[in-house]
C-alpha atoms as a PDB file:
ATOM      1  CA  MET A   1      95.622  69.284  93.490  1.00  0.00           C
ATOM      2  CA  ARG A   2      96.367  72.959  93.932  1.00  0.00           C
ATOM      3  CA  ILE A   3      98.095  73.784  97.212  1.00  0.00           C
ATOM      4  CA  LEU A   4      98.373  77.285  98.668  1.00  0.00           C
ATOM      5  CA  VAL A   5     101.241  77.634 101.154  1.00  0.00           C
ATOM      6  CA  ILE A   6     101.070  80.574 103.554  1.00  0.00           C
ATOM      7  CA  GLY A   7     104.534  80.709 105.049  1.00  0.00           C
ATOM      8  CA  LYS A   8     108.130  80.059 104.125  1.00  0.00           C
ATOM      9  CA  GLU A   9     108.725  78.721 100.621  1.00  0.00           C
ATOM     10  CA  GLY A  10     110.785  75.531 100.448  1.00  0.00           C
ATOM     11  CA  ARG A  11     109.849  73.861 103.737  1.00  0.00           C
ATOM     12  CA  LEU A  12     107.026  71.756 102.349  1.00  0.00           C
ATOM     13  CA  GLN A  13     109.097  70.661  99.369  1.00  0.00           C
ATOM     14  CA  SER A  14     112.187  69.819 101.415  1.00  0.00           C
ATOM     15  CA  HIS A  15     110.177  67.297 103.466  1.00  0.00           C
ATOM     16  CA  ALA A  16     108.412  65.661 100.507  1.00  0.00           C
ATOM     17  CA  ASP A  17     108.933  62.676  98.284  1.00  0.00           C
ATOM     18  CA  PRO A  18     109.863  64.366  94.962  1.00  0.00           C
ATOM     19  CA  ALA A  19     107.447  62.163  93.027  1.00  0.00           C
ATOM     20  CA  VAL A  20     104.559  63.064  95.341  1.00  0.00           C
ATOM     21  CA  TYR A  21     105.467  66.749  95.351  1.00  0.00           C
ATOM     22  CA  ALA A  22     105.487  66.822  91.550  1.00  0.00           C
ATOM     23  CA  ARG A  23     101.866  65.656  91.339  1.00  0.00           C
ATOM     24  CA  HIS A  24     100.551  68.966  92.666  1.00  0.00           C
ATOM     25  CA  THR A  25     100.757  72.665  91.795  1.00  0.00           C
ATOM     26  CA  TYR A  26     101.735  75.299  94.357  1.00  0.00           C
ATOM     27  CA  THR A  27     101.257  78.948  95.192  1.00  0.00           C
ATOM     28  CA  TYR A  28     103.483  80.420  97.911  1.00  0.00           C
ATOM     29  CA  VAL A  29     102.704  83.604  99.821  1.00  0.00           C
ATOM     30  CA  PRO A  30     104.621  84.954 102.826  1.00  0.00           C
ATOM     31  CA  LEU A  31     103.104  85.447 106.267  1.00  0.00           C
ATOM     32  CA  GLY A  32     101.238  88.730 106.533  1.00  0.00           C
ATOM     33  CA  THR A  33     100.128  88.870 102.909  1.00  0.00           C
ATOM     34  CA  PRO A  34      96.726  90.628 102.695  1.00  0.00           C
ATOM     35  CA  ASP A  35      93.750  88.402 101.904  1.00  0.00           C
ATOM     36  CA  GLU A  36      93.091  90.231  98.645  1.00  0.00           C
ATOM     37  CA  GLU A  37      96.568  89.422  97.363  1.00  0.00           C
ATOM     38  CA  ILE A  38      96.295  85.794  98.468  1.00  0.00           C
ATOM     39  CA  LEU A  39      92.967  85.396  96.664  1.00  0.00           C
ATOM     40  CA  ALA A  40      94.353  87.025  93.548  1.00  0.00           C
ATOM     41  CA  SER A  41      96.901  84.249  93.166  1.00  0.00           C
ATOM     42  CA  GLY A  42      95.538  81.299  95.108  1.00  0.00           C
ATOM     43  CA  LYS A  43      91.733  81.378  95.206  1.00  0.00           C
ATOM     44  CA  ASP A  44      91.445  78.113  93.223  1.00  0.00           C
ATOM     45  CA  ALA A  45      93.492  76.082  95.718  1.00  0.00           C
ATOM     46  CA  ASP A  46      92.113  72.843  97.132  1.00  0.00           C
ATOM     47  CA  ILE A  47      94.386  72.899 100.187  1.00  0.00           C
ATOM     48  CA  ILE A  48      95.976  75.558 102.377  1.00  0.00           C
ATOM     49  CA  VAL A  49      99.148  74.676 104.267  1.00  0.00           C
ATOM     50  CA  VAL A  50      99.750  77.463 106.772  1.00  0.00           C
ATOM     51  CA  ASP A  51     102.553  78.305 109.182  1.00  0.00           C
ATOM     52  CA  ALA A  52     101.487  77.540 112.764  1.00  0.00           C
ATOM     53  CA  ILE A  53     101.451  81.278 113.565  1.00  0.00           C
ATOM     54  CA  GLY A  54      99.777  82.213 110.283  1.00  0.00           C
ATOM     55  CA  LYS A  55      96.197  83.363 109.739  1.00  0.00           C
ATOM     56  CA  VAL A  56      93.393  82.007 107.589  1.00  0.00           C
ATOM     57  CA  SER A  57      90.413  84.341 107.864  1.00  0.00           C
ATOM     58  CA  SER A  58      86.747  83.765 107.099  1.00  0.00           C
ATOM     59  CA  LYS A  59      87.160  86.141 104.156  1.00  0.00           C
ATOM     60  CA  LEU A  60      89.855  83.900 102.724  1.00  0.00           C
ATOM     61  CA  ILE A  61      87.781  80.767 103.276  1.00  0.00           C
ATOM     62  CA  ASP A  62      84.679  82.383 101.748  1.00  0.00           C
ATOM     63  CA  GLY A  63      86.663  83.335  98.659  1.00  0.00           C
ATOM     64  CA  MET A  64      88.079  79.859  97.914  1.00  0.00           C
ATOM     65  CA  PRO A  65      85.290  77.689  96.427  1.00  0.00           C
ATOM     66  CA  ASN A  66      87.472  74.602  95.957  1.00  0.00           C
ATOM     67  CA  LEU A  67      88.975  74.583  99.449  1.00  0.00           C
ATOM     68  CA  LYS A  68      88.806  71.197 101.166  1.00  0.00           C
ATOM     69  CA  MET A  69      91.477  71.317 103.891  1.00  0.00           C
ATOM     70  CA  ILE A  70      93.488  73.817 105.924  1.00  0.00           C
ATOM     71  CA  HIS A  71      96.559  72.201 107.468  1.00  0.00           C
ATOM     72  CA  SER A  72      98.804  73.834 110.050  1.00  0.00           C
ATOM     73  CA  GLU A  73     102.516  73.205 109.629  1.00  0.00           C
ATOM     74  CA  GLY A  74     102.693  72.691 113.381  1.00  0.00           C
ATOM     75  CA  VAL A  75     100.473  72.048 116.352  1.00  0.00           C
ATOM     76  CA  GLY A  76      99.029  75.558 116.681  1.00  0.00           C
ATOM     77  CA  PHE A  77      96.107  76.683 114.526  1.00  0.00           C
ATOM     78  CA  GLN A  78      94.724  79.617 116.523  1.00  0.00           C
ATOM     79  CA  GLY A  79      95.018  81.871 113.471  1.00  0.00           C
ATOM     80  CA  VAL A  80      92.541  79.757 111.503  1.00  0.00           C
ATOM     81  CA  ASP A  81      88.865  80.698 111.600  1.00  0.00           C
ATOM     82  CA  VAL A  82      87.718  77.188 112.490  1.00  0.00           C
ATOM     83  CA  LYS A  83      84.056  78.181 112.666  1.00  0.00           C
ATOM     84  CA  ALA A  84      84.085  79.506 109.098  1.00  0.00           C
ATOM     85  CA  ALA A  85      85.977  76.438 107.898  1.00  0.00           C
ATOM     86  CA  SER A  86      83.455  74.108 109.516  1.00  0.00           C
ATOM     87  CA  GLU A  87      80.536  76.033 108.017  1.00  0.00           C
ATOM     88  CA  HIS A  88      82.074  75.456 104.579  1.00  0.00           C
ATOM     89  CA  GLY A  89      82.796  71.766 105.238  1.00  0.00           C
ATOM     90  CA  VAL A  90      86.553  72.388 105.218  1.00  0.00           C
ATOM     91  CA  TYR A  91      88.787  70.174 107.342  1.00  0.00           C
ATOM     92  CA  VAL A  92      91.141  71.960 109.745  1.00  0.00           C
ATOM     93  CA  CYS A  93      94.130  69.753 110.562  1.00  0.00           C
ATOM     94  CA  ASN A  94      97.291  70.059 112.620  1.00  0.00           C
ATOM     95  CA  CYS A  95     100.371  68.027 113.498  1.00  0.00           C
ATOM     96  CA  LYS A  96      99.373  67.099 117.035  1.00  0.00           C
ATOM     97  CA  GLY A  97     102.139  65.260 118.863  1.00  0.00           C
ATOM     98  CA  MET A  98     104.867  66.032 116.330  1.00  0.00           C
ATOM     99  CA  ASN A  99     106.937  68.071 118.765  1.00  0.00           C
ATOM    100  CA  SER A 100     106.014  66.849 122.243  1.00  0.00           C
ATOM    101  CA  THR A 101     109.461  65.496 123.119  1.00  0.00           C
ATOM    102  CA  ALA A 102     111.255  68.450 121.551  1.00  0.00           C
ATOM    103  CA  VAL A 103     109.204  71.090 123.380  1.00  0.00           C
ATOM    104  CA  ALA A 104     109.486  69.161 126.642  1.00  0.00           C
ATOM    105  CA  GLU A 105     113.270  69.239 126.268  1.00  0.00           C
ATOM    106  CA  GLN A 106     113.119  73.000 125.680  1.00  0.00           C
ATOM    107  CA  ALA A 107     110.973  73.480 128.769  1.00  0.00           C
ATOM    108  CA  VAL A 108     113.453  71.563 130.926  1.00  0.00           C
ATOM    109  CA  LEU A 109     116.339  73.488 129.338  1.00  0.00           C
ATOM    110  CA  LEU A 110     114.703  76.781 130.351  1.00  0.00           C
ATOM    111  CA  MET A 111     114.018  75.478 133.854  1.00  0.00           C
ATOM    112  CA  LEU A 112     117.674  74.567 134.265  1.00  0.00           C
ATOM    113  CA  GLY A 113     118.706  77.904 132.776  1.00  0.00           C
ATOM    114  CA  CYS A 114     116.669  79.721 135.410  1.00  0.00           C
ATOM    115  CA  VAL A 115     117.579  77.600 138.431  1.00  0.00           C
ATOM    116  CA  LYS A 116     121.286  77.534 137.517  1.00  0.00           C
ATOM    117  CA  HIS A 117     121.439  81.254 136.579  1.00  0.00           C
ATOM    118  CA  VAL A 118     122.978  80.349 133.228  1.00  0.00           C
ATOM    119  CA  ILE A 119     122.659  83.776 131.578  1.00  0.00           C
ATOM    120  CA  HIS A 120     124.128  85.607 134.584  1.00  0.00           C
ATOM    121  CA  ASP A 121     127.008  83.143 134.939  1.00  0.00           C
ATOM    122  CA  ASP A 122     127.859  83.130 131.244  1.00  0.00           C
ATOM    123  CA  ARG A 123     128.093  86.923 131.232  1.00  0.00           C
ATOM    124  CA  ALA A 124     130.182  86.965 134.404  1.00  0.00           C
ATOM    125  CA  PHE A 125     132.607  84.403 133.019  1.00  0.00           C
ATOM    126  CA  ARG A 126     133.099  86.406 129.829  1.00  0.00           C
ATOM    127  CA  GLU A 127     133.847  89.457 131.968  1.00  0.00           C
ATOM    128  CA  GLY A 128     136.494  87.601 133.966  1.00  0.00           C
ATOM    129  CA  ARG A 129     134.425  87.359 137.165  1.00  0.00           C
ATOM    130  CA  GLN A 130     134.360  83.585 137.526  1.00  0.00           C
ATOM    131  CA  ILE A 131     135.739  83.340 141.053  1.00  0.00           C
ATOM    132  CA  GLN A 132     133.566  86.159 142.393  1.00  0.00           C
ATOM    133  CA  VAL A 133     130.425  84.393 141.217  1.00  0.00           C
ATOM    134  CA  LYS A 134     131.569  81.035 142.541  1.00  0.00           C
ATOM    135  CA  GLU A 135     132.410  82.462 145.950  1.00  0.00           C
ATOM    136  CA  ALA A 136     129.037  84.213 146.114  1.00  0.00           C
ATOM    137  CA  TYR A 137     127.236  80.894 145.595  1.00  0.00           C
ATOM    138  CA  PHE A 138     129.047  79.422 148.602  1.00  0.00           C
ATOM    139  CA  MET A 139     127.169  81.996 150.660  1.00  0.00           C
ATOM    140  CA  THR A 140     123.837  82.311 148.851  1.00  0.00           C
ATOM    141  CA  GLY A 141     123.492  78.768 147.575  1.00  0.00           C
ATOM    142  CA  LEU A 142     122.665  77.471 144.112  1.00  0.00           C
ATOM    143  CA  GLY A 143     119.560  75.472 143.315  1.00  0.00           C
ATOM    144  CA  GLU A 144     119.039  72.017 141.885  1.00  0.00           C
ATOM    145  CA  LEU A 145     116.080  71.022 139.783  1.00  0.00           C
ATOM    146  CA  ALA A 146     115.655  68.036 142.088  1.00  0.00           C
ATOM    147  CA  ASP A 147     114.851  70.445 144.922  1.00  0.00           C
ATOM    148  CA  CYS A 148     111.957  71.970 143.003  1.00  0.00           C
ATOM    149  CA  GLN A 149     108.271  71.280 142.830  1.00  0.00           C
ATOM    150  CA  VAL A 150     107.306  71.819 139.200  1.00  0.00           C
ATOM    151  CA  GLY A 151     103.704  72.710 138.457  1.00  0.00           C
ATOM    152  CA  ILE A 152     102.521  71.829 134.965  1.00  0.00           C
ATOM    153  CA  ILE A 153      99.450  73.640 133.680  1.00  0.00           C
ATOM    154  CA  GLY A 154      97.950  71.493 130.937  1.00  0.00           C
ATOM    155  CA  LEU A 155      98.699  67.775 130.778  1.00  0.00           C
ATOM    156  CA  GLY A 156      98.414  67.155 127.046  1.00  0.00           C
ATOM    157  CA  ASP A 157     101.079  65.539 124.882  1.00  0.00           C
ATOM    158  CA  ILE A 158     103.748  68.111 125.751  1.00  0.00           C
ATOM    159  CA  GLY A 159     102.829  68.364 129.414  1.00  0.00           C
ATOM    160  CA  GLN A 160     103.063  64.594 129.727  1.00  0.00           C
ATOM    161  CA  ALA A 161     106.417  64.490 127.928  1.00  0.00           C
ATOM    162  CA  THR A 162     107.713  67.209 130.260  1.00  0.00           C
ATOM    163  CA  ALA A 163     106.597  65.251 133.314  1.00  0.00           C
ATOM    164  CA  LYS A 164     108.435  62.170 132.048  1.00  0.00           C
ATOM    165  CA  LEU A 165     111.674  64.104 131.639  1.00  0.00           C
ATOM    166  CA  LEU A 166     111.355  65.750 135.047  1.00  0.00           C
ATOM    167  CA  ALA A 167     111.010  62.351 136.697  1.00  0.00           C
ATOM    168  CA  ALA A 168     114.652  61.684 135.834  1.00  0.00           C
ATOM    169  CA  PHE A 169     115.666  64.792 137.830  1.00  0.00           C
ATOM    170  CA  GLY A 170     113.778  63.670 140.915  1.00  0.00           C
ATOM    171  CA  CYS A 171     111.402  66.639 140.935  1.00  0.00           C
ATOM    172  CA  ARG A 172     108.038  66.569 142.578  1.00  0.00           C
ATOM    173  CA  VAL A 173     105.666  67.153 139.657  1.00  0.00           C
ATOM    174  CA  VAL A 174     102.117  68.414 140.125  1.00  0.00           C
ATOM    175  CA  TYR A 175      99.626  69.407 137.463  1.00  0.00           C
ATOM    176  CA  THR A 176      96.303  71.032 136.821  1.00  0.00           C
ATOM    177  CA  SER A 177      94.081  70.830 133.754  1.00  0.00           C
ATOM    178  CA  ARG A 178      90.496  71.370 132.701  1.00  0.00           C
ATOM    179  CA  HIS A 179      89.812  67.700 133.318  1.00  0.00           C
ATOM    180  CA  ARG A 180      91.666  65.568 135.817  1.00  0.00           C
ATOM    181  CA  ARG A 181      93.494  62.663 134.191  1.00  0.00           C
ATOM    182  CA  SER A 182      93.015  59.028 135.116  1.00  0.00           C
ATOM    183  CA  GLU A 183      94.672  57.547 138.177  1.00  0.00           C
ATOM    184  CA  GLU A 184      96.506  55.163 135.856  1.00  0.00           C
ATOM    185  CA  LEU A 185      98.073  58.009 133.882  1.00  0.00           C
ATOM    186  CA  GLU A 186      98.929  59.948 137.044  1.00  0.00           C
ATOM    187  CA  LYS A 187     100.675  56.877 138.422  1.00  0.00           C
ATOM    188  CA  GLU A 188     102.487  56.226 135.136  1.00  0.00           C
ATOM    189  CA  LEU A 189     103.796  59.804 134.989  1.00  0.00           C
ATOM    190  CA  GLY A 190     104.393  60.146 138.722  1.00  0.00           C
ATOM    191  CA  VAL A 191     102.302  63.322 138.909  1.00  0.00           C
ATOM    192  CA  THR A 192      99.826  64.650 141.462  1.00  0.00           C
ATOM    193  CA  TYR A 193      96.732  66.647 140.599  1.00  0.00           C
ATOM    194  CA  MET A 194      96.270  70.039 142.273  1.00  0.00           C
ATOM    195  CA  PRO A 195      93.743  72.848 141.813  1.00  0.00           C
ATOM    196  CA  GLU A 196      95.384  75.797 140.069  1.00  0.00           C
ATOM    197  CA  ASP A 197      95.467  78.030 143.141  1.00  0.00           C
ATOM    198  CA  GLU A 198      97.289  75.420 145.219  1.00  0.00           C
ATOM    199  CA  LEU A 199      99.672  74.633 142.360  1.00  0.00           C
ATOM    200  CA  LEU A 200     100.635  78.290 141.962  1.00  0.00           C
ATOM    201  CA  GLU A 201     101.039  78.850 145.700  1.00  0.00           C
ATOM    202  CA  THR A 202     103.344  75.844 146.240  1.00  0.00           C
ATOM    203  CA  SER A 203     105.353  75.351 143.034  1.00  0.00           C
ATOM    204  CA  ASP A 204     108.918  76.561 142.594  1.00  0.00           C
ATOM    205  CA  ILE A 205     108.506  76.429 138.829  1.00  0.00           C
ATOM    206  CA  VAL A 206     105.265  76.832 136.864  1.00  0.00           C
ATOM    207  CA  SER A 207     105.300  75.586 133.267  1.00  0.00           C
ATOM    208  CA  LEU A 208     102.543  76.475 130.770  1.00  0.00           C
ATOM    209  CA  HIS A 209     101.358  73.796 128.352  1.00  0.00           C
ATOM    210  CA  VAL A 210      97.943  74.919 127.141  1.00  0.00           C
ATOM    211  CA  ALA A 211      96.548  76.117 123.829  1.00  0.00           C
ATOM    212  CA  VAL A 212      95.617  79.730 123.130  1.00  0.00           C
ATOM    213  CA  THR A 213      91.866  80.214 123.403  1.00  0.00           C
ATOM    214  CA  PRO A 214      89.730  83.198 124.410  1.00  0.00           C
ATOM    215  CA  ASP A 215      89.831  81.788 127.949  1.00  0.00           C
ATOM    216  CA  THR A 216      93.611  81.402 128.124  1.00  0.00           C
ATOM    217  CA  VAL A 217      94.831  84.640 126.499  1.00  0.00           C
ATOM    218  CA  HIS A 218      96.732  86.500 129.250  1.00  0.00           C
ATOM    219  CA  MET A 219      95.988  83.740 131.744  1.00  0.00           C
ATOM    220  CA  ALA A 220      99.336  84.678 133.327  1.00  0.00           C
ATOM    221  CA  ASN A 221      98.222  88.131 134.477  1.00  0.00           C
ATOM    222  CA  ASP A 222      98.689  90.184 137.646  1.00  0.00           C
ATOM    223  CA  ALA A 223      96.332  87.976 139.644  1.00  0.00           C
ATOM    224  CA  PHE A 224      98.101  84.856 138.403  1.00  0.00           C
ATOM    225  CA  PHE A 225     101.531  86.154 139.438  1.00  0.00           C
ATOM    226  CA  ASP A 226     100.181  87.314 142.798  1.00  0.00           C
ATOM    227  CA  ARG A 227      99.172  83.726 143.508  1.00  0.00           C
ATOM    228  CA  MET A 228     102.582  82.290 142.552  1.00  0.00           C
ATOM    229  CA  LYS A 229     105.038  81.274 145.256  1.00  0.00           C
ATOM    230  CA  ASN A 230     107.521  83.987 146.170  1.00  0.00           C
ATOM    231  CA  GLY A 231     110.797  83.507 144.307  1.00  0.00           C
ATOM    232  CA  SER A 232     109.404  81.027 141.794  1.00  0.00           C
ATOM    233  CA  TYR A 233     109.901  80.909 138.018  1.00  0.00           C
ATOM    234  CA  LEU A 234     107.501  80.932 135.065  1.00  0.00           C
ATOM    235  CA  ILE A 235     108.259  78.810 131.987  1.00  0.00           C
ATOM    236  CA  ASN A 236     106.382  79.309 128.715  1.00  0.00           C
ATOM    237  CA  THR A 237     107.039  77.074 125.712  1.00  0.00           C
ATOM    238  CA  SER A 238     103.452  77.218 124.415  1.00  0.00           C
ATOM    239  CA  ARG A 239     102.332  80.571 123.004  1.00  0.00           C
ATOM    240  CA  GLY A 240     103.314  84.106 123.916  1.00  0.00           C
ATOM    241  CA  GLU A 241      99.698  85.251 124.155  1.00  0.00           C
ATOM    242  CA  LEU A 242      99.263  83.211 127.336  1.00  0.00           C
ATOM    243  CA  VAL A 243     101.378  85.729 129.268  1.00  0.00           C
ATOM    244  CA  ASP A 244     100.586  89.375 129.876  1.00  0.00           C
ATOM    245  CA  THR A 245     103.989  90.911 129.167  1.00  0.00           C
ATOM    246  CA  GLU A 246     103.520  93.964 131.377  1.00  0.00           C
ATOM    247  CA  ALA A 247     102.233  91.842 134.262  1.00  0.00           C
ATOM    248  CA  LEU A 248     105.276  89.576 133.962  1.00  0.00           C
ATOM    249  CA  GLY A 249     107.541  92.622 134.100  1.00  0.00           C
ATOM    250  CA  ARG A 250     105.791  93.926 137.189  1.00  0.00           C
ATOM    251  CA  ALA A 251     106.059  90.554 138.949  1.00  0.00           C
ATOM    252  CA  ILE A 252     109.800  90.294 138.284  1.00  0.00           C
ATOM    253  CA  ALA A 253     110.524  93.951 139.099  1.00  0.00           C
ATOM    254  CA  ALA A 254     108.701  93.641 142.416  1.00  0.00           C
ATOM    255  CA  GLY A 255     110.611  90.493 143.316  1.00  0.00           C
ATOM    256  CA  LYS A 256     107.422  88.439 143.460  1.00  0.00           C
ATOM    257  CA  ILE A 257     108.908  85.873 141.075  1.00  0.00           C
ATOM    258  CA  ALA A 258     112.607  85.323 140.488  1.00  0.00           C
ATOM    259  CA  GLY A 259     112.427  85.259 136.720  1.00  0.00           C
ATOM    260  CA  ALA A 260     111.169  83.391 133.686  1.00  0.00           C
ATOM    261  CA  GLY A 261     112.196  81.124 130.845  1.00  0.00           C
ATOM    262  CA  LEU A 262     110.441  82.039 127.596  1.00  0.00           C
ATOM    263  CA  ASP A 263     110.548  80.285 124.251  1.00  0.00           C
ATOM    264  CA  CYS A 264     107.762  82.574 123.042  1.00  0.00           C
ATOM    265  CA  VAL A 265     106.416  86.051 123.761  1.00  0.00           C
ATOM    266  CA  GLU A 266     103.523  88.185 122.598  1.00  0.00           C
ATOM    267  CA  GLY A 267     103.861  89.775 119.196  1.00  0.00           C
ATOM    268  CA  GLU A 268     105.845  87.245 117.193  1.00  0.00           C
ATOM    269  CA  PRO A 269     107.849  87.417 115.051  1.00  0.00           C
ATOM    270  CA  VAL A 270     109.811  89.443 117.594  1.00  0.00           C
ATOM    271  CA  THR A 271     111.519  92.602 116.360  1.00  0.00           C
ATOM    272  CA  SER A 272     113.449  95.265 118.232  1.00  0.00           C
ATOM    273  CA  ASP A 273     110.278  97.255 118.963  1.00  0.00           C
ATOM    274  CA  ASN A 274     108.530  94.377 120.760  1.00  0.00           C
ATOM    275  CA  LYS A 275     107.086  95.476 124.091  1.00  0.00           C
ATOM    276  CA  ILE A 276     109.125  92.812 125.935  1.00  0.00           C
ATOM    277  CA  PHE A 277     112.141  95.089 125.510  1.00  0.00           C
ATOM    278  CA  SER A 278     110.403  97.954 127.300  1.00  0.00           C
ATOM    279  CA  LEU A 279     110.584  96.048 130.589  1.00  0.00           C
ATOM    280  CA  GLY A 280     114.113  97.294 131.248  1.00  0.00           C
ATOM    281  CA  ASP A 281     117.464  95.605 131.665  1.00  0.00           C
ATOM    282  CA  GLU A 282     116.966  94.675 135.323  1.00  0.00           C
ATOM    283  CA  VAL A 283     113.908  92.614 134.410  1.00  0.00           C
ATOM    284  CA  LEU A 284     115.281  91.261 131.141  1.00  0.00           C
ATOM    285  CA  ASP A 285     118.420  90.037 132.906  1.00  0.00           C
ATOM    286  CA  LYS A 286     116.178  87.662 134.866  1.00  0.00           C
ATOM    287  CA  ILE A 287     114.594  86.104 131.786  1.00  0.00           C
ATOM    288  CA  VAL A 288     116.104  83.273 129.756  1.00  0.00           C
ATOM    289  CA  PHE A 289     114.945  83.578 126.145  1.00  0.00           C
ATOM    290  CA  SER A 290     114.989  81.169 123.230  1.00  0.00           C
ATOM    291  CA  CYS A 291     113.708  81.886 119.733  1.00  0.00           C
ATOM    292  CA  HIS A 292     110.485  79.816 119.735  1.00  0.00           C
ATOM    293  CA  ILE A 293     112.537  76.861 118.561  1.00  0.00           C
ATOM    294  CA  GLY A 294     111.285  74.239 120.997  1.00  0.00           C
ATOM    295  CA  GLY A 295     109.236  72.396 118.415  1.00  0.00           C
ATOM    296  CA  ILE A 296     111.391  72.662 115.303  1.00  0.00           C
ATOM    297  CA  THR A 297     113.990  69.977 115.807  1.00  0.00           C
ATOM    298  CA  THR A 298     114.933  67.847 112.803  1.00  0.00           C
ATOM    299  CA  SER A 299     112.932  64.906 114.128  1.00  0.00           C
ATOM    300  CA  SER A 300     109.878  67.072 114.833  1.00  0.00           C
ATOM    301  CA  MET A 301     109.926  68.451 111.306  1.00  0.00           C
ATOM    302  CA  LYS A 302     110.121  64.957 109.826  1.00  0.00           C
ATOM    303  CA  ARG A 303     107.177  63.804 111.909  1.00  0.00           C
ATOM    304  CA  GLY A 304     105.091  66.911 111.208  1.00  0.00           C
ATOM    305  CA  TYR A 305     105.534  67.033 107.451  1.00  0.00           C
ATOM    306  CA  ALA A 306     104.932  63.285 107.256  1.00  0.00           C
ATOM    307  CA  MET A 307     101.521  63.986 108.821  1.00  0.00           C
ATOM    308  CA  ILE A 308     100.838  66.776 106.313  1.00  0.00           C
ATOM    309  CA  TRP A 309     101.735  64.676 103.291  1.00  0.00           C
ATOM    310  CA  ASP A 310      99.757  61.742 104.619  1.00  0.00           C
ATOM    311  CA  ASP A 311      96.676  63.948 104.914  1.00  0.00           C
ATOM    312  CA  ILE A 312      97.211  65.452 101.457  1.00  0.00           C
ATOM    313  CA  GLN A 313      97.421  61.997  99.898  1.00  0.00           C
ATOM    314  CA  LYS A 314      94.326  60.779 101.725  1.00  0.00           C
ATOM    315  CA  LEU A 315      92.404  63.775 100.416  1.00  0.00           C
ATOM    316  CA  GLU A 316      93.847  63.220  96.951  1.00  0.00           C
ATOM    317  CA  ASN A 317      92.544  59.649  97.025  1.00  0.00           C
ATOM    318  CA  GLY A 318      89.059  60.700  98.034  1.00  0.00           C
ATOM    319  CA  GLY A 319      89.424  59.906 101.715  1.00  0.00           C
ATOM    320  CA  LYS A 320      89.410  61.915 104.914  1.00  0.00           C
ATOM    321  CA  PRO A 321      92.588  63.321 106.477  1.00  0.00           C
ATOM    322  CA  GLY A 322      93.778  61.666 109.657  1.00  0.00           C
ATOM    323  CA  HIS A 323      94.632  64.673 111.816  1.00  0.00           C
ATOM    324  CA  ILE A 324      91.355  66.618 111.947  1.00  0.00           C
ATOM    325  CA  CYS A 325      90.759  69.277 114.604  1.00  0.00           C
ATOM    326  CA  ASN A 326      87.163  70.250 113.677  1.00  0.00           C
ATOM    327  CA  ARG A 327      85.509  66.863 114.057  1.00  0.00           C
ATOM    328  CA  GLU A 328      82.095  68.335 113.288  1.00  0.00           C
ATOM    329  CA  VAL A 329      83.064  68.196 109.594  1.00  0.00           C
ATOM    330  CA  LEU A 330      83.256  64.373 109.674  1.00  0.00           C
END
C-alpha cells in the first residue's frame, strides 16, 4: 500500500516492525506543505498518516481517488475534514487513549508548578535569593495541592486519568461534562459532578480536558475567567485553541486568577512572534509553560504507533481499522 505521511519523517518507521514497514511505499511531506504540492507527489496514496496538529483538507481528499484511511499520529484530528472524508467513504482514525496517563501526569505537574511557585522560586534561587523567598513564605504561606479543589472540565480518558492521580494528593475533585457520568464511575474516581458555573466559582484549579470543536474554541474567554474563583489557576494540556490568549492575559493582569499552567497555546508551533509573548513579562511570569509534550512520552509513542500499524495491517488484509472516529463510514 502507498502511505502518505504529513509530518516528521522517521517517526513512523522508528516505531515499526522492519518487515512490515518494508511491505509499503511512502511519501513524506512536512507540515504546512500546500495541497497542490502534496497531490503532486502523493495523490495515489491509499493511506494518510498525519501529525495530530496537521491538516487534511477536502481538496486533498477529493484529489486522492485511492484514499481509504486518514490516521492521526495522536489523539487530535481537528485538522482533518471529517465530513469530506465520510462523504468519500474514507475512515478517519486516531490513537484514542494512547497518552491518557502521560497527559494526566503533565497536568498534575503544571498544577504543582503553579501552586508551589516553581518558576519564581527557581529564578530566585539562581539569583542568590533563597532565604528571602523562604522567609516571605513564612508570612504569606505556600499552598499544597491537597488544599485545593480541582475542577476537571471533560471527563474522558485523560480527565479520568487526572482524577485518579489527584486522588493520591487528597484533593477534592469535581467535574463537568456534556453528559454526566454514571454513579459507579463517579464513585470509582472519587469525583463529584457540578454544573460548569458552580465548578468555576468554587475551584482553586480548573483543568481543561476537552476536544477542540466549533463549540469549544475560546471556551476560556473573558466570561469564563470572570466566573472563575478569585486567585485560582487555569491548566490546559488539551489544545491551545480552547483558551483566548488575550482574555487569559487580561484575567492574570487584573489579578482575577493567579496564573496558569499551559502545555499548549494558540498558534502552534510556537515561534517568537506568537501572541502569547505580547502579554508582557508580569503576566508571563505567572504562567508555567511546557512544550506540548504531555502526550509524547516513550510509552505513549509505543502505544500510539502500535494502534496505527494495527489499523494499517487490518486495512491491508481487507478488514476495517479498529480506531475509527467517523463511525458513519462503517
